[in-house]
Amino acid sequence: MTPRTRRLLERALPKLLAWLLLAFLFVPVLVVIPVALTDRDYLSLPNNGISFDHFAALANWRAGWMPSILTSLGIAVASSIVATGVSAAFAMGAWVYVGRWPTILRIVLLSPLIVPPIIYAVGMVRLWSKLGLLDTWLGVTIVHVILAIPLAVLAIGASLSNLDPRLVQAARSLGARPATIFGRVILPNIVPGTVAGAILAFIVSWDEITVTLFITSRGIVTLPRKIWTSIADAVDPALAAIATVMLAVTIVGLILRMTVWERIAQRRS
């Protein structure tokens, strides 16, 4: 083997393996697109042509897909806002007051990442049944907030770890008030972590299914619960349609992230 061939293999082989790995991960996901366009009433590839009837079924209010989407969207937005606010307050407090109690509270807040979801779900059923919060908007939102707080705390805490405490001390020495210090020193430095925490909290709430299955019945039907019920009752091609829509939204979000965010960064620089 010549040196040129060896160098070519050293460059091409890692790229080839990387593309094969990406194909292994993403090609099965892309299969849902032709399945969503099937003209059959069950999951299959199109036979006599493509059909958009299953996408139209998503907009049919009686089919239950649109109410579940709106329910999940409302709960996810509310959970994201509350979880981000609580996480930001705790992260800043733990950043300022270093000691034993912030460490203990951090362990408590991160416990949802440690405790298995099924155990957490059983405990919430017992507690929510006593408080009368089963199958209610408030009960589901509180659970989603608790589950979303750990990731939001980690994201915001990572931003605060890059903030030099001497900046706050300098602002205090110049006579800045606490509100001014927060608005002009701390907040601009934790905006990326706060945005990341809010997005992570939204995703956790949007995707949560384990605990939601235990604490909801017929009153609150989120999108994951609707998907679960549809799989259990009858495999509806609308499942592939909703998966295609979510895939398209994700791709559009990534494209916007790559284009808009880079433009903002270039303007700042």
C-alpha atoms as a PDB file:
ATOM      1  CA  MET A   1       0.000   0.000   0.000  1.00  0.00           C
ATOM      2  CA  THR A   2       1.443   3.320  -1.072  1.00  0.00           C
ATOM      3  CA  PRO A   3       1.650   6.295   1.325  1.00  0.00           C
ATOM      4  CA  ARG A   4      -0.862   8.182  -0.792  1.00  0.00           C
ATOM      5  CA  THR A   5      -3.389   5.354  -0.587  1.00  0.00           C
ATOM      6  CA  ARG A   6      -2.834   5.097   3.167  1.00  0.00           C
ATOM      7  CA  ARG A   7      -3.479   8.821   3.643  1.00  0.00           C
ATOM      8  CA  LEU A   8      -6.587   8.574   1.493  1.00  0.00           C
ATOM      9  CA  LEU A   9      -7.948   5.718   3.606  1.00  0.00           C
ATOM     10  CA  GLU A  10      -7.134   7.537   6.830  1.00  0.00           C
ATOM     11  CA  ARG A  11      -9.211  10.488   5.649  1.00  0.00           C
ATOM     12  CA  ALA A  12     -12.017   8.687   3.869  1.00  0.00           C
ATOM     13  CA  LEU A  13     -12.635   5.794   6.262  1.00  0.00           C
ATOM     14  CA  PRO A  14     -13.652   7.903   9.311  1.00  0.00           C
ATOM     15  CA  LYS A  15     -15.976   9.970   7.114  1.00  0.00           C
ATOM     16  CA  LEU A  16     -17.505   6.836   5.634  1.00  0.00           C
ATOM     17  CA  LEU A  17     -18.081   5.336   9.077  1.00  0.00           C
ATOM     18  CA  ALA A  18     -19.622   8.591  10.292  1.00  0.00           C
ATOM     19  CA  TRP A  19     -22.038   8.721   7.344  1.00  0.00           C
ATOM     20  CA  LEU A  20     -22.969   5.063   7.820  1.00  0.00           C
ATOM     21  CA  LEU A  21     -23.695   5.730  11.485  1.00  0.00           C
ATOM     22  CA  LEU A  22     -25.866   8.724  10.613  1.00  0.00           C
ATOM     23  CA  ALA A  23     -27.702   6.655   8.016  1.00  0.00           C
ATOM     24  CA  PHE A  24     -28.266   3.901  10.585  1.00  0.00           C
ATOM     25  CA  LEU A  25     -29.793   6.459  12.949  1.00  0.00           C
ATOM     26  CA  PHE A  26     -31.883   8.555  10.549  1.00  0.00           C
ATOM     27  CA  VAL A  27     -32.984   6.300   7.674  1.00  0.00           C
ATOM     28  CA  PRO A  28     -35.482   4.354   9.859  1.00  0.00           C
ATOM     29  CA  VAL A  29     -36.968   7.699  10.930  1.00  0.00           C
ATOM     30  CA  LEU A  30     -37.469   8.759   7.308  1.00  0.00           C
ATOM     31  CA  VAL A  31     -39.547   5.630   6.641  1.00  0.00           C
ATOM     32  CA  VAL A  32     -42.520   7.276   8.377  1.00  0.00           C
ATOM     33  CA  ILE A  33     -42.817   9.809   5.545  1.00  0.00           C
ATOM     34  CA  PRO A  34     -43.972   7.385   2.798  1.00  0.00           C
ATOM     35  CA  VAL A  35     -46.030   5.463   5.375  1.00  0.00           C
ATOM     36  CA  ALA A  36     -47.867   8.691   6.236  1.00  0.00           C
ATOM     37  CA  LEU A  37     -48.761   9.074   2.542  1.00  0.00           C
ATOM     38  CA  THR A  38     -50.269   5.608   2.235  1.00  0.00           C
ATOM     39  CA  ASP A  39     -53.712   5.136   0.730  1.00  0.00           C
ATOM     40  CA  ARG A  40     -54.487   2.255   3.078  1.00  0.00           C
ATOM     41  CA  ASP A  41     -56.219   2.313   6.467  1.00  0.00           C
ATOM     42  CA  TYR A  42     -53.311   0.617   8.162  1.00  0.00           C
ATOM     43  CA  LEU A  43     -49.556   1.141   8.345  1.00  0.00           C
ATOM     44  CA  SER A  44     -48.078   0.295   4.958  1.00  0.00           C
ATOM     45  CA  LEU A  45     -46.299   1.861   2.034  1.00  0.00           C
ATOM     46  CA  PRO A  46     -48.448   3.523  -0.664  1.00  0.00           C
ATOM     47  CA  ASN A  47     -49.973   0.988  -3.060  1.00  0.00           C
ATOM     48  CA  ASN A  48     -52.211   2.711  -5.623  1.00  0.00           C
ATOM     49  CA  GLY A  49     -50.898   6.223  -5.080  1.00  0.00           C
ATOM     50  CA  ILE A  50     -50.226   8.694  -2.336  1.00  0.00           C
ATOM     51  CA  SER A  51     -52.926  10.139  -0.093  1.00  0.00           C
ATOM     52  CA  PHE A  52     -53.034  13.086   2.310  1.00  0.00           C
ATOM     53  CA  ASP A  53     -56.139  11.833   4.127  1.00  0.00           C
ATOM     54  CA  HIS A  54     -54.164  10.906   7.233  1.00  0.00           C
ATOM     55  CA  PHE A  55     -52.727  14.421   7.452  1.00  0.00           C
ATOM     56  CA  ALA A  56     -56.270  15.793   7.107  1.00  0.00           C
ATOM     57  CA  ALA A  57     -57.336  13.506   9.965  1.00  0.00           C
ATOM     58  CA  LEU A  58     -54.948  15.366  12.255  1.00  0.00           C
ATOM     59  CA  ALA A  59     -57.032  18.524  11.802  1.00  0.00           C
ATOM     60  CA  ASN A  60     -60.295  16.671  12.479  1.00  0.00           C
ATOM     61  CA  TRP A  61     -61.334  17.764  15.965  1.00  0.00           C
ATOM     62  CA  ARG A  62     -63.445  14.650  16.548  1.00  0.00           C
ATOM     63  CA  ALA A  63     -60.483  12.384  15.836  1.00  0.00           C
ATOM     64  CA  GLY A  64     -58.838  13.783  18.960  1.00  0.00           C
ATOM     65  CA  TRP A  65     -55.433  14.608  17.498  1.00  0.00           C
ATOM     66  CA  MET A  66     -55.799  18.393  17.449  1.00  0.00           C
ATOM     67  CA  PRO A  67     -57.150  18.615  21.035  1.00  0.00           C
ATOM     68  CA  SER A  68     -54.262  16.464  22.267  1.00  0.00           C
ATOM     69  CA  ILE A  69     -51.736  18.614  20.375  1.00  0.00           C
ATOM     70  CA  LEU A  70     -53.157  21.810  21.870  1.00  0.00           C
ATOM     71  CA  THR A  71     -53.251  20.233  25.334  1.00  0.00           C
ATOM     72  CA  SER A  72     -49.617  19.161  25.114  1.00  0.00           C
ATOM     73  CA  LEU A  73     -48.626  22.555  23.716  1.00  0.00           C
ATOM     74  CA  GLY A  74     -50.378  24.461  26.518  1.00  0.00           C
ATOM     75  CA  ILE A  75     -48.953  22.261  29.277  1.00  0.00           C
ATOM     76  CA  ALA A  76     -45.464  22.326  27.744  1.00  0.00           C
ATOM     77  CA  VAL A  77     -45.418  26.128  27.450  1.00  0.00           C
ATOM     78  CA  ALA A  78     -46.675  26.599  31.006  1.00  0.00           C
ATOM     79  CA  SER A  79     -44.238  24.006  32.354  1.00  0.00           C
ATOM     80  CA  SER A  80     -41.347  25.565  30.459  1.00  0.00           C
ATOM     81  CA  ILE A  81     -42.044  29.047  31.808  1.00  0.00           C
ATOM     82  CA  VAL A  82     -42.469  27.937  35.421  1.00  0.00           C
ATOM     83  CA  ALA A  83     -39.566  25.468  35.380  1.00  0.00           C
ATOM     84  CA  THR A  84     -37.224  28.033  33.814  1.00  0.00           C
ATOM     85  CA  GLY A  85     -38.141  30.689  36.369  1.00  0.00           C
ATOM     86  CA  VAL A  86     -37.719  28.351  39.337  1.00  0.00           C
ATOM     87  CA  SER A  87     -34.476  26.926  37.942  1.00  0.00           C
ATOM     88  CA  ALA A  88     -33.021  30.372  37.268  1.00  0.00           C
ATOM     89  CA  ALA A  89     -33.853  31.535  40.793  1.00  0.00           C
ATOM     90  CA  PHE A  90     -32.307  28.442  42.360  1.00  0.00           C
ATOM     91  CA  ALA A  91     -29.232  28.468  40.101  1.00  0.00           C
ATOM     92  CA  MET A  92     -28.479  32.102  40.926  1.00  0.00           C
ATOM     93  CA  GLY A  93     -29.055  31.514  44.631  1.00  0.00           C
ATOM     94  CA  ALA A  94     -26.778  28.472  44.649  1.00  0.00           C
ATOM     95  CA  TRP A  95     -24.190  30.455  42.674  1.00  0.00           C
ATOM     96  CA  VAL A  96     -24.192  33.293  45.208  1.00  0.00           C
ATOM     97  CA  TYR A  97     -24.537  31.285  48.436  1.00  0.00           C
ATOM     98  CA  VAL A  98     -22.072  28.411  48.300  1.00  0.00           C
ATOM     99  CA  GLY A  99     -22.417  25.907  51.111  1.00  0.00           C
ATOM    100  CA  ARG A 100     -24.031  22.755  52.380  1.00  0.00           C
ATOM    101  CA  TRP A 101     -27.683  23.701  51.920  1.00  0.00           C
ATOM    102  CA  PRO A 102     -27.410  24.678  48.241  1.00  0.00           C
ATOM    103  CA  THR A 103     -25.682  21.340  47.618  1.00  0.00           C
ATOM    104  CA  ILE A 104     -28.457  19.437  49.406  1.00  0.00           C
ATOM    105  CA  LEU A 105     -31.159  21.344  47.525  1.00  0.00           C
ATOM    106  CA  ARG A 106     -29.364  20.692  44.241  1.00  0.00           C
ATOM    107  CA  ILE A 107     -29.447  16.945  44.944  1.00  0.00           C
ATOM    108  CA  VAL A 108     -33.164  17.160  45.745  1.00  0.00           C
ATOM    109  CA  LEU A 109     -33.932  19.080  42.543  1.00  0.00           C
ATOM    110  CA  LEU A 110     -31.910  16.645  40.445  1.00  0.00           C
ATOM    111  CA  SER A 111     -33.596  13.602  42.016  1.00  0.00           C
ATOM    112  CA  PRO A 112     -36.119  13.190  39.145  1.00  0.00           C
ATOM    113  CA  LEU A 113     -33.128  12.281  36.960  1.00  0.00           C
ATOM    114  CA  ILE A 114     -32.110   9.595  39.462  1.00  0.00           C
ATOM    115  CA  VAL A 115     -35.426   8.068  40.539  1.00  0.00           C
ATOM    116  CA  PRO A 116     -36.909   5.652  37.935  1.00  0.00           C
ATOM    117  CA  PRO A 117     -39.999   7.211  36.304  1.00  0.00           C
ATOM    118  CA  ILE A 118     -42.245   4.285  37.207  1.00  0.00           C
ATOM    119  CA  ILE A 119     -41.468   4.671  40.916  1.00  0.00           C
ATOM    120  CA  TYR A 120     -42.007   8.411  40.685  1.00  0.00           C
ATOM    121  CA  ALA A 121     -45.317   7.832  38.886  1.00  0.00           C
ATOM    122  CA  VAL A 122     -46.640   5.489  41.576  1.00  0.00           C
ATOM    123  CA  GLY A 123     -45.722   8.000  44.274  1.00  0.00           C
ATOM    124  CA  MET A 124     -47.419  10.856  42.411  1.00  0.00           C
ATOM    125  CA  VAL A 125     -50.603   8.816  41.998  1.00  0.00           C
ATOM    126  CA  ARG A 126     -50.828   8.313  45.761  1.00  0.00           C
ATOM    127  CA  LEU A 127     -50.126  11.970  46.495  1.00  0.00           C
ATOM    128  CA  TRP A 128     -52.314  13.447  43.761  1.00  0.00           C
ATOM    129  CA  SER A 129     -55.262  11.200  44.722  1.00  0.00           C
ATOM    130  CA  LYS A 130     -55.204  12.690  48.231  1.00  0.00           C
ATOM    131  CA  LEU A 131     -54.924  16.249  46.907  1.00  0.00           C
ATOM    132  CA  GLY A 132     -57.579  15.797  44.218  1.00  0.00           C
ATOM    133  CA  LEU A 133     -55.186  16.635  41.374  1.00  0.00           C
ATOM    134  CA  LEU A 134     -55.559  13.471  39.319  1.00  0.00           C
ATOM    135  CA  ASP A 135     -56.570  14.079  35.702  1.00  0.00           C
ATOM    136  CA  THR A 136     -56.322  17.878  36.028  1.00  0.00           C
ATOM    137  CA  TRP A 137     -54.370  20.531  34.151  1.00  0.00           C
ATOM    138  CA  LEU A 138     -52.769  21.749  37.366  1.00  0.00           C
ATOM    139  CA  GLY A 139     -51.697  18.269  38.448  1.00  0.00           C
ATOM    140  CA  VAL A 140     -50.115  17.417  35.091  1.00  0.00           C
ATOM    141  CA  THR A 141     -48.394  20.806  34.830  1.00  0.00           C
ATOM    142  CA  ILE A 142     -46.868  20.526  38.317  1.00  0.00           C
ATOM    143  CA  VAL A 143     -45.521  17.049  37.524  1.00  0.00           C
ATOM    144  CA  HIS A 144     -44.025  18.238  34.247  1.00  0.00           C
ATOM    145  CA  VAL A 145     -42.436  21.225  36.001  1.00  0.00           C
ATOM    146  CA  ILE A 146     -40.821  18.912  38.552  1.00  0.00           C
ATOM    147  CA  LEU A 147     -39.500  16.650  35.804  1.00  0.00           C
ATOM    148  CA  ALA A 148     -38.198  19.582  33.743  1.00  0.00           C
ATOM    149  CA  ILE A 149     -36.432  21.469  36.538  1.00  0.00           C
ATOM    150  CA  PRO A 150     -33.278  19.251  36.661  1.00  0.00           C
ATOM    151  CA  LEU A 151     -32.289  19.870  33.031  1.00  0.00           C
ATOM    152  CA  ALA A 152     -33.093  23.576  33.294  1.00  0.00           C
ATOM    153  CA  VAL A 153     -30.991  23.869  36.455  1.00  0.00           C
ATOM    154  CA  LEU A 154     -28.051  22.165  34.754  1.00  0.00           C
ATOM    155  CA  ALA A 155     -28.286  24.430  31.691  1.00  0.00           C
ATOM    156  CA  ILE A 156     -28.564  27.671  33.650  1.00  0.00           C
ATOM    157  CA  GLY A 157     -25.943  26.553  36.165  1.00  0.00           C
ATOM    158  CA  ALA A 158     -23.509  25.893  33.315  1.00  0.00           C
ATOM    159  CA  SER A 159     -23.941  29.495  32.128  1.00  0.00           C
ATOM    160  CA  LEU A 160     -23.429  30.844  35.626  1.00  0.00           C
ATOM    161  CA  SER A 161     -20.248  28.815  36.030  1.00  0.00           C
ATOM    162  CA  ASN A 162     -18.715  30.897  33.221  1.00  0.00           C
ATOM    163  CA  LEU A 163     -19.679  34.184  34.910  1.00  0.00           C
ATOM    164  CA  ASP A 164     -16.861  35.835  36.850  1.00  0.00           C
ATOM    165  CA  PRO A 165     -18.096  36.758  40.368  1.00  0.00           C
ATOM    166  CA  ARG A 166     -15.767  39.751  40.305  1.00  0.00           C
ATOM    167  CA  LEU A 167     -18.102  41.414  37.788  1.00  0.00           C
ATOM    168  CA  VAL A 168     -20.874  41.401  40.387  1.00  0.00           C
ATOM    169  CA  GLN A 169     -18.488  42.652  43.053  1.00  0.00           C
ATOM    170  CA  ALA A 170     -17.343  45.450  40.769  1.00  0.00           C
ATOM    171  CA  ALA A 171     -20.945  46.473  40.087  1.00  0.00           C
ATOM    172  CA  ARG A 172     -21.681  46.546  43.815  1.00  0.00           C
ATOM    173  CA  SER A 173     -18.594  48.619  44.522  1.00  0.00           C
ATOM    174  CA  LEU A 174     -19.792  51.168  41.961  1.00  0.00           C
ATOM    175  CA  GLY A 175     -23.111  51.493  43.763  1.00  0.00           C
ATOM    176  CA  ALA A 176     -25.335  49.429  41.483  1.00  0.00           C
ATOM    177  CA  ARG A 177     -28.586  48.202  43.005  1.00  0.00           C
ATOM    178  CA  PRO A 178     -29.481  44.476  43.052  1.00  0.00           C
ATOM    179  CA  ALA A 179     -32.047  44.937  40.265  1.00  0.00           C
ATOM    180  CA  THR A 180     -29.430  46.725  38.141  1.00  0.00           C
ATOM    181  CA  ILE A 181     -26.840  44.034  38.822  1.00  0.00           C
ATOM    182  CA  PHE A 182     -29.289  41.332  37.791  1.00  0.00           C
ATOM    183  CA  GLY A 183     -30.512  43.116  34.672  1.00  0.00           C
ATOM    184  CA  ARG A 184     -27.181  44.376  33.344  1.00  0.00           C
ATOM    185  CA  VAL A 185     -24.586  41.932  34.674  1.00  0.00           C
ATOM    186  CA  ILE A 186     -26.087  38.539  35.470  1.00  0.00           C
ATOM    187  CA  LEU A 187     -28.987  38.260  33.016  1.00  0.00           C
ATOM    188  CA  PRO A 188     -27.043  39.019  29.794  1.00  0.00           C
ATOM    189  CA  ASN A 189     -24.535  36.323  30.721  1.00  0.00           C
ATOM    190  CA  ILE A 190     -27.112  33.602  31.423  1.00  0.00           C
ATOM    191  CA  VAL A 191     -29.412  34.236  28.460  1.00  0.00           C
ATOM    192  CA  PRO A 192     -27.994  31.289  26.427  1.00  0.00           C
ATOM    193  CA  GLY A 193     -28.356  28.922  29.397  1.00  0.00           C
ATOM    194  CA  THR A 194     -31.835  30.238  30.175  1.00  0.00           C
ATOM    195  CA  VAL A 195     -32.973  29.750  26.580  1.00  0.00           C
ATOM    196  CA  ALA A 196     -31.463  26.262  26.527  1.00  0.00           C
ATOM    197  CA  GLY A 197     -33.149  25.457  29.844  1.00  0.00           C
ATOM    198  CA  ALA A 198     -36.510  26.654  28.550  1.00  0.00           C
ATOM    199  CA  ILE A 199     -36.179  24.544  25.393  1.00  0.00           C
ATOM    200  CA  LEU A 200     -35.157  21.475  27.382  1.00  0.00           C
ATOM    201  CA  ALA A 201     -38.069  21.987  29.784  1.00  0.00           C
ATOM    202  CA  PHE A 202     -40.466  22.283  26.843  1.00  0.00           C
ATOM    203  CA  ILE A 203     -39.124  19.086  25.269  1.00  0.00           C
ATOM    204  CA  VAL A 204     -39.361  17.165  28.554  1.00  0.00           C
ATOM    205  CA  SER A 205     -42.988  18.203  29.021  1.00  0.00           C
ATOM    206  CA  TRP A 206     -43.919  17.625  25.363  1.00  0.00           C
ATOM    207  CA  ASP A 207     -42.420  14.127  25.356  1.00  0.00           C
ATOM    208  CA  GLU A 208     -43.426  12.950  28.862  1.00  0.00           C
ATOM    209  CA  ILE A 209     -45.561   9.789  28.883  1.00  0.00           C
ATOM    210  CA  THR A 210     -44.725   7.525  31.831  1.00  0.00           C
ATOM    211  CA  VAL A 211     -46.022   9.635  34.716  1.00  0.00           C
ATOM    212  CA  THR A 212     -48.769  11.156  32.571  1.00  0.00           C
ATOM    213  CA  LEU A 213     -50.269   7.713  31.935  1.00  0.00           C
ATOM    214  CA  PHE A 214     -50.650   7.229  35.684  1.00  0.00           C
ATOM    215  CA  ILE A 215     -52.110  10.600  36.653  1.00  0.00           C
ATOM    216  CA  THR A 216     -54.500  11.187  33.729  1.00  0.00           C
ATOM    217  CA  SER A 217     -57.599   9.426  32.478  1.00  0.00           C
ATOM    218  CA  ARG A 218     -60.114  10.992  30.097  1.00  0.00           C
ATOM    219  CA  GLY A 219     -60.053  14.616  31.154  1.00  0.00           C
ATOM    220  CA  ILE A 220     -56.467  15.382  30.109  1.00  0.00           C
ATOM    221  CA  VAL A 221     -55.201  13.694  26.950  1.00  0.00           C
ATOM    222  CA  THR A 222     -51.751  14.825  25.884  1.00  0.00           C
ATOM    223  CA  LEU A 223     -50.254  13.951  22.517  1.00  0.00           C
ATOM    224  CA  PRO A 224     -47.994  11.148  23.865  1.00  0.00           C
ATOM    225  CA  ARG A 225     -51.004   9.654  25.655  1.00  0.00           C
ATOM    226  CA  LYS A 226     -53.070   9.906  22.460  1.00  0.00           C
ATOM    227  CA  ILE A 227     -50.311   8.139  20.524  1.00  0.00           C
ATOM    228  CA  TRP A 228     -50.104   5.444  23.195  1.00  0.00           C
ATOM    229  CA  THR A 229     -53.860   4.907  23.111  1.00  0.00           C
ATOM    230  CA  SER A 230     -53.898   4.740  19.309  1.00  0.00           C
ATOM    231  CA  ILE A 231     -51.165   2.097  19.323  1.00  0.00           C
ATOM    232  CA  ALA A 232     -53.002   0.056  21.956  1.00  0.00           C
ATOM    233  CA  ASP A 233     -56.427   0.246  20.255  1.00  0.00           C
ATOM    234  CA  ALA A 234     -55.598   0.167  16.550  1.00  0.00           C
ATOM    235  CA  VAL A 235     -52.500   1.076  14.588  1.00  0.00           C
ATOM    236  CA  ASP A 236     -53.651   4.203  12.743  1.00  0.00           C
ATOM    237  CA  PRO A 237     -51.588   5.638   9.842  1.00  0.00           C
ATOM    238  CA  ALA A 238     -52.238   9.014  11.451  1.00  0.00           C
ATOM    239  CA  LEU A 239     -49.411   8.037  13.793  1.00  0.00           C
ATOM    240  CA  ALA A 240     -47.028   8.219  10.853  1.00  0.00           C
ATOM    241  CA  ALA A 241     -48.589  11.530   9.820  1.00  0.00           C
ATOM    242  CA  ILE A 242     -48.051  13.125  13.241  1.00  0.00           C
ATOM    243  CA  ALA A 243     -44.511  11.722  13.301  1.00  0.00           C
ATOM    244  CA  THR A 244     -43.851  13.300   9.898  1.00  0.00           C
ATOM    245  CA  VAL A 245     -45.181  16.656  11.069  1.00  0.00           C
ATOM    246  CA  MET A 246     -42.999  16.561  14.190  1.00  0.00           C
ATOM    247  CA  LEU A 247     -39.983  15.580  12.086  1.00  0.00           C
ATOM    248  CA  ALA A 248     -40.616  18.488   9.719  1.00  0.00           C
ATOM    249  CA  VAL A 249     -40.972  20.936  12.615  1.00  0.00           C
ATOM    250  CA  THR A 250     -37.704  19.662  14.108  1.00  0.00           C
ATOM    251  CA  ILE A 251     -35.833  20.052  10.821  1.00  0.00           C
ATOM    252  CA  VAL A 252     -37.211  23.571  10.313  1.00  0.00           C
ATOM    253  CA  GLY A 253     -36.204  24.467  13.864  1.00  0.00           C
ATOM    254  CA  LEU A 254     -32.674  23.210  13.293  1.00  0.00           C
ATOM    255  CA  ILE A 255     -32.375  25.147  10.038  1.00  0.00           C
ATOM    256  CA  LEU A 256     -33.572  28.332  11.729  1.00  0.00           C
ATOM    257  CA  ARG A 257     -31.149  27.705  14.575  1.00  0.00           C
ATOM    258  CA  MET A 258     -28.236  27.306  12.161  1.00  0.00           C
ATOM    259  CA  THR A 259     -29.093  30.370  10.052  1.00  0.00           C
ATOM    260  CA  VAL A 260     -30.661  32.940  12.365  1.00  0.00           C
ATOM    261  CA  TRP A 261     -28.384  32.274  15.329  1.00  0.00           C
ATOM    262  CA  GLU A 262     -25.259  32.553  13.178  1.00  0.00           C
ATOM    263  CA  ARG A 263     -26.445  35.876  11.781  1.00  0.00           C
ATOM    264  CA  ILE A 264     -27.065  37.191  15.296  1.00  0.00           C
ATOM    265  CA  ALA A 265     -23.595  36.027  16.377  1.00  0.00           C
ATOM    266  CA  GLN A 266     -22.008  37.709  13.358  1.00  0.00           C
ATOM    267  CA  ARG A 267     -23.788  40.997  14.101  1.00  0.00           C
ATOM    268  CA  ARG A 268     -22.594  40.904  17.704  1.00  0.00           C
ATOM    269  CA  SER A 269     -19.024  40.218  16.647  1.00  0.00           C
END
